[in-house]
Amino acid sequence: VRSLNLDGGLTLTEVSFVELLSVLPNLMSLRCSGLTCIGDEGCAAIGRCKRLRYLDLSNANMDDGGVKAMTEEMKANGIESLKKLSVANAGGLTDEGVKQIGATVAATLEDFCMAGGFK
């Protein structure tokens, strides 16, 4: 599986989300718009997806703690391929969290959306 669409706020738990990502090492596209179960561990699991190119976290329930967990894993795993990222209306995310994400993936990012989403 290279693409996973979890849009629409499915009723996954954070544990289920982490387990799901752990068996998808070649995931290139992840859409989590409206997902409420991400949490810090889920964000860290996203950061372990080494081949991730497209990530949509718009309207997802995440905060700066989750961003920290995700960016630490991205740095540890050498993620250098993220091209598109949307964090529009991500609940609990502050300007500091957005800056942290941007600084982590700025070298490869082509589209960074803070309002709306990307197709």
C-alpha atoms as a PDB file:
ATOM      1  CA  VAL A   1       0.000   0.000   0.000  1.00  0.00           C
ATOM      2  CA  ARG A   2       1.429   3.352  -1.027  1.00  0.00           C
ATOM      3  CA  SER A   3      -1.591   5.552  -0.372  1.00  0.00           C
ATOM      4  CA  LEU A   4      -3.912   5.613   2.629  1.00  0.00           C
ATOM      5  CA  ASN A   5      -7.001   7.789   2.947  1.00  0.00           C
ATOM      6  CA  LEU A   6      -8.429   8.075   6.458  1.00  0.00           C
ATOM      7  CA  ASP A   7     -10.393  11.273   5.756  1.00  0.00           C
ATOM      8  CA  GLY A   8     -13.683  11.822   7.455  1.00  0.00           C
ATOM      9  CA  GLY A   9     -12.854  11.190  11.088  1.00  0.00           C
ATOM     10  CA  LEU A  10     -12.988   7.415  11.178  1.00  0.00           C
ATOM     11  CA  THR A  11     -13.393   5.925  14.621  1.00  0.00           C
ATOM     12  CA  LEU A  12      -9.874   4.552  14.985  1.00  0.00           C
ATOM     13  CA  THR A  13      -8.102   4.660  18.305  1.00  0.00           C
ATOM     14  CA  GLU A  14      -4.601   6.100  18.599  1.00  0.00           C
ATOM     15  CA  VAL A  15      -3.256   2.566  19.175  1.00  0.00           C
ATOM     16  CA  SER A  16      -4.994   1.297  16.018  1.00  0.00           C
ATOM     17  CA  PHE A  17      -3.624   4.234  14.025  1.00  0.00           C
ATOM     18  CA  VAL A  18      -0.069   3.535  15.214  1.00  0.00           C
ATOM     19  CA  GLU A  19      -0.422  -0.204  14.474  1.00  0.00           C
ATOM     20  CA  LEU A  20      -1.821   0.516  11.017  1.00  0.00           C
ATOM     21  CA  LEU A  21       1.103   2.763  10.080  1.00  0.00           C
ATOM     22  CA  SER A  22       3.632   0.284  11.463  1.00  0.00           C
ATOM     23  CA  VAL A  23       2.690  -2.259   8.787  1.00  0.00           C
ATOM     24  CA  LEU A  24       2.844   0.252   5.931  1.00  0.00           C
ATOM     25  CA  PRO A  25       6.573   0.995   5.586  1.00  0.00           C
ATOM     26  CA  ASN A  26       6.303   2.133   1.958  1.00  0.00           C
ATOM     27  CA  LEU A  27       3.452   4.581   2.503  1.00  0.00           C
ATOM     28  CA  MET A  28       3.841   7.600   0.226  1.00  0.00           C
ATOM     29  CA  SER A  29       0.530   9.397   0.715  1.00  0.00           C
ATOM     30  CA  LEU A  30      -1.420   9.784   3.951  1.00  0.00           C
ATOM     31  CA  ARG A  31      -4.664  11.717   4.222  1.00  0.00           C
ATOM     32  CA  CYS A  32      -5.904  12.163   7.787  1.00  0.00           C
ATOM     33  CA  SER A  33      -8.245  15.116   7.355  1.00  0.00           C
ATOM     34  CA  GLY A  34     -10.648  15.264  10.276  1.00  0.00           C
ATOM     35  CA  LEU A  35      -9.081  12.329  12.118  1.00  0.00           C
ATOM     36  CA  THR A  36      -9.393  12.788  15.876  1.00  0.00           C
ATOM     37  CA  CYS A  37      -7.291   9.886  17.158  1.00  0.00           C
ATOM     38  CA  ILE A  38      -3.801  10.874  16.034  1.00  0.00           C
ATOM     39  CA  GLY A  39      -2.249  11.945  19.368  1.00  0.00           C
ATOM     40  CA  ASP A  40       1.475  12.185  20.087  1.00  0.00           C
ATOM     41  CA  GLU A  41       2.201   8.499  19.405  1.00  0.00           C
ATOM     42  CA  GLY A  42       0.270   8.672  16.144  1.00  0.00           C
ATOM     43  CA  CYS A  43       2.257  11.715  15.092  1.00  0.00           C
ATOM     44  CA  ALA A  44       5.474   9.867  15.914  1.00  0.00           C
ATOM     45  CA  ALA A  45       4.253   6.941  13.774  1.00  0.00           C
ATOM     46  CA  ILE A  46       3.729   9.349  10.872  1.00  0.00           C
ATOM     47  CA  GLY A  47       7.314  10.514  11.338  1.00  0.00           C
ATOM     48  CA  ARG A  48       8.523   6.927  10.891  1.00  0.00           C
ATOM     49  CA  CYS A  49       7.005   6.665   7.391  1.00  0.00           C
ATOM     50  CA  LYS A  50      10.294   7.192   5.550  1.00  0.00           C
ATOM     51  CA  ARG A  51       8.885   7.410   2.016  1.00  0.00           C
ATOM     52  CA  LEU A  52       6.051   9.799   2.798  1.00  0.00           C
ATOM     53  CA  ARG A  53       5.569  12.394   0.033  1.00  0.00           C
ATOM     54  CA  TYR A  54       2.063  13.734   0.711  1.00  0.00           C
ATOM     55  CA  LEU A  55       0.606  14.356   4.163  1.00  0.00           C
ATOM     56  CA  ASP A  56      -2.783  15.918   4.860  1.00  0.00           C
ATOM     57  CA  LEU A  57      -3.415  16.702   8.525  1.00  0.00           C
ATOM     58  CA  SER A  58      -6.057  19.363   7.874  1.00  0.00           C
ATOM     59  CA  ASN A  59      -8.800  19.438  10.498  1.00  0.00           C
ATOM     60  CA  ALA A  60      -6.991  16.677  12.385  1.00  0.00           C
ATOM     61  CA  ASN A  61      -6.757  16.712  16.157  1.00  0.00           C
ATOM     62  CA  MET A  62      -3.071  17.320  16.839  1.00  0.00           C
ATOM     63  CA  ASP A  63      -1.107  19.803  18.898  1.00  0.00           C
ATOM     64  CA  ASP A  64       2.440  21.048  19.288  1.00  0.00           C
ATOM     65  CA  GLY A  65       3.363  17.970  21.366  1.00  0.00           C
ATOM     66  CA  GLY A  66       2.373  15.771  18.444  1.00  0.00           C
ATOM     67  CA  VAL A  67       4.349  17.965  16.073  1.00  0.00           C
ATOM     68  CA  LYS A  68       7.409  17.603  18.282  1.00  0.00           C
ATOM     69  CA  ALA A  69       7.049  13.804  18.305  1.00  0.00           C
ATOM     70  CA  MET A  70       6.551  13.720  14.526  1.00  0.00           C
ATOM     71  CA  THR A  71       9.455  16.013  13.656  1.00  0.00           C
ATOM     72  CA  GLU A  72      11.826  14.186  16.022  1.00  0.00           C
ATOM     73  CA  GLU A  73      10.993  10.901  14.267  1.00  0.00           C
ATOM     74  CA  MET A  74      11.336  12.553  10.852  1.00  0.00           C
ATOM     75  CA  LYS A  75      14.816  13.771  11.766  1.00  0.00           C
ATOM     76  CA  ALA A  76      15.815  10.400  13.267  1.00  0.00           C
ATOM     77  CA  ASN A  77      14.562   8.511  10.210  1.00  0.00           C
ATOM     78  CA  GLY A  78      15.976  10.887   7.640  1.00  0.00           C
ATOM     79  CA  ILE A  79      12.696  11.786   5.958  1.00  0.00           C
ATOM     80  CA  GLU A  80      13.737  14.047   3.129  1.00  0.00           C
ATOM     81  CA  SER A  81      11.031  13.400   0.589  1.00  0.00           C
ATOM     82  CA  LEU A  82       7.906  15.181   1.853  1.00  0.00           C
ATOM     83  CA  LYS A  83       6.541  17.302  -1.009  1.00  0.00           C
ATOM     84  CA  LYS A  84       3.063  18.370   0.115  1.00  0.00           C
ATOM     85  CA  LEU A  85       1.830  19.072   3.617  1.00  0.00           C
ATOM     86  CA  SER A  86      -1.475  20.493   4.837  1.00  0.00           C
ATOM     87  CA  VAL A  87      -2.070  21.462   8.457  1.00  0.00           C
ATOM     88  CA  ALA A  88      -5.072  23.709   7.812  1.00  0.00           C
ATOM     89  CA  ASN A  89      -7.349  24.021  10.851  1.00  0.00           C
ATOM     90  CA  ALA A  90      -5.426  21.356  12.768  1.00  0.00           C
ATOM     91  CA  GLY A  91      -6.885  21.644  16.275  1.00  0.00           C
ATOM     92  CA  GLY A  92      -4.434  22.705  18.953  1.00  0.00           C
ATOM     93  CA  LEU A  93      -1.617  23.532  16.552  1.00  0.00           C
ATOM     94  CA  THR A  94       0.043  26.888  17.252  1.00  0.00           C
ATOM     95  CA  ASP A  95       2.311  29.020  15.076  1.00  0.00           C
ATOM     96  CA  GLU A  96       5.298  27.458  16.859  1.00  0.00           C
ATOM     97  CA  GLY A  97       4.199  23.957  15.835  1.00  0.00           C
ATOM     98  CA  VAL A  98       3.712  25.042  12.230  1.00  0.00           C
ATOM     99  CA  LYS A  99       7.190  26.599  12.208  1.00  0.00           C
ATOM    100  CA  GLN A 100       8.681  23.390  13.618  1.00  0.00           C
ATOM    101  CA  ILE A 101       7.106  21.291  10.864  1.00  0.00           C
ATOM    102  CA  GLY A 102       8.208  23.749   8.201  1.00  0.00           C
ATOM    103  CA  ALA A 103      11.774  23.860   9.462  1.00  0.00           C
ATOM    104  CA  THR A 104      12.002  20.062   9.501  1.00  0.00           C
ATOM    105  CA  VAL A 105      10.847  19.486   5.925  1.00  0.00           C
ATOM    106  CA  ALA A 106      11.607  22.848   4.283  1.00  0.00           C
ATOM    107  CA  ALA A 107      14.325  21.476   2.009  1.00  0.00           C
ATOM    108  CA  THR A 108      11.949  19.298  -0.025  1.00  0.00           C
ATOM    109  CA  LEU A 109       8.537  20.844   0.566  1.00  0.00           C
ATOM    110  CA  GLU A 110       6.817  22.134  -2.568  1.00  0.00           C
ATOM    111  CA  ASP A 111       3.375  22.861  -1.097  1.00  0.00           C
ATOM    112  CA  PHE A 112       2.751  23.861   2.527  1.00  0.00           C
ATOM    113  CA  CYS A 113      -0.907  24.587   3.144  1.00  0.00           C
ATOM    114  CA  MET A 114      -2.110  26.286   6.295  1.00  0.00           C
ATOM    115  CA  ALA A 115      -5.588  27.176   4.977  1.00  0.00           C
ATOM    116  CA  GLY A 116      -7.819  24.892   2.946  1.00  0.00           C
ATOM    117  CA  GLY A 117      -6.228  21.689   1.732  1.00  0.00           C
ATOM    118  CA  PHE A 118      -4.497  20.205  -1.260  1.00  0.00           C
ATOM    119  CA  LYS A 119      -5.725  17.838  -3.925  1.00  0.00           C
END
